[in-house]
Amino acid sequence: MHQAKGRVVALGPFAFEDEKKHKMRHPVEMEIVTIARYAGILLKGNDGNRYRLVYDDEVTSILDGDWDIQIRG
């Protein structure tokens, strides 16, 4: 399975509700996560950056450490 990395910039109020019930760790803003390569939809923000909106169950892992994420406009 192909994966993509991205930085969490915002979470909805109901994101990861199932994981909270099971006391599992979920990502917070500014953390680096992996998602399935074709998950979600791509949008261009008013700031000119591209964003991918994904469902919480499409986040496959949280990456710890120093990762170099390049933002493409």
Protein backbone atom coordinates (compact mmCIF):
# COMPACT_ATOMS: atom_id res chain seq x y z
CA MET A 1 0.00 0.00 0.00
CA HIS A 2 1.34 3.41 -0.91
CA GLN A 3 1.47 5.99 1.84
CA ALA A 4 1.75 9.77 1.92
CA LYS A 5 2.99 11.97 4.75
CA GLY A 6 1.35 15.18 5.84
CA ARG A 7 1.08 17.64 8.70
CA VAL A 8 -2.16 17.95 10.65
CA VAL A 9 -3.24 21.61 10.44
CA ALA A 10 -6.74 21.28 11.90
CA LEU A 11 -9.10 18.70 13.38
CA GLY A 12 -12.89 18.72 13.39
CA PRO A 13 -14.75 18.59 16.71
CA PHE A 14 -15.73 14.93 16.23
CA ALA A 15 -12.42 13.65 14.83
CA PHE A 16 -11.17 10.45 16.45
CA GLU A 17 -14.21 10.05 18.73
CA ASP A 18 -13.94 6.23 18.56
CA GLU A 19 -10.28 6.31 19.55
CA LYS A 20 -11.04 8.62 22.50
CA LYS A 21 -13.49 6.01 23.86
CA HIS A 22 -10.72 3.39 23.75
CA LYS A 23 -8.12 5.82 25.13
CA MET A 24 -5.96 5.43 22.04
CA ARG A 25 -3.58 8.21 21.08
CA HIS A 26 -4.74 10.39 18.21
CA PRO A 27 -2.85 13.10 16.30
CA VAL A 28 -2.96 16.73 17.31
CA GLU A 29 -2.34 19.83 15.24
CA MET A 30 1.15 20.17 13.76
CA GLU A 31 1.98 16.45 14.07
CA ILE A 32 3.19 14.47 11.05
CA VAL A 33 0.96 11.55 10.02
CA THR A 34 0.78 9.00 7.23
CA ILE A 35 -2.33 8.48 5.15
CA ALA A 36 -3.21 6.29 2.19
CA ARG A 37 -1.86 7.98 -0.94
CA TYR A 38 -5.25 8.48 -2.59
CA ALA A 39 -7.25 9.19 0.57
CA GLY A 40 -9.43 12.27 0.90
CA ILE A 41 -9.74 15.20 -1.46
CA LEU A 42 -7.25 17.90 -2.46
CA LEU A 43 -8.22 21.55 -2.08
CA LYS A 44 -6.34 24.78 -2.66
CA GLY A 45 -6.64 27.18 0.27
CA ASN A 46 -6.99 30.96 0.12
CA ASP A 47 -3.33 31.11 1.16
CA GLY A 48 -2.32 29.33 -2.07
CA ASN A 49 -1.31 26.07 -0.32
CA ARG A 50 -2.81 22.70 -1.19
CA TYR A 51 -4.60 20.80 1.57
CA ARG A 52 -5.88 17.23 1.72
CA LEU A 53 -9.07 16.65 3.69
CA VAL A 54 -9.26 13.09 5.02
CA TYR A 55 -11.51 11.09 7.29
CA ASP A 56 -10.00 10.24 10.66
CA ASP A 57 -9.95 6.53 9.85
CA GLU A 58 -7.69 7.23 6.83
CA VAL A 59 -4.84 8.31 9.12
CA THR A 60 -2.66 5.20 9.34
CA SER A 61 0.08 6.30 11.76
CA ILE A 62 1.58 9.16 13.72
CA LEU A 63 5.26 9.76 13.01
CA ASP A 64 7.50 10.75 15.90
CA GLY A 65 10.77 12.54 15.39
CA ASP A 66 12.00 15.19 12.98
CA TRP A 67 10.46 14.73 9.53
CA ASP A 68 11.07 17.05 6.61
CA ILE A 69 7.68 17.83 5.04
CA GLN A 70 7.81 19.97 1.93
CA ILE A 71 4.75 22.07 1.20
CA ARG A 72 3.95 22.49 -2.49
CA GLY A 73 1.75 25.38 -3.59
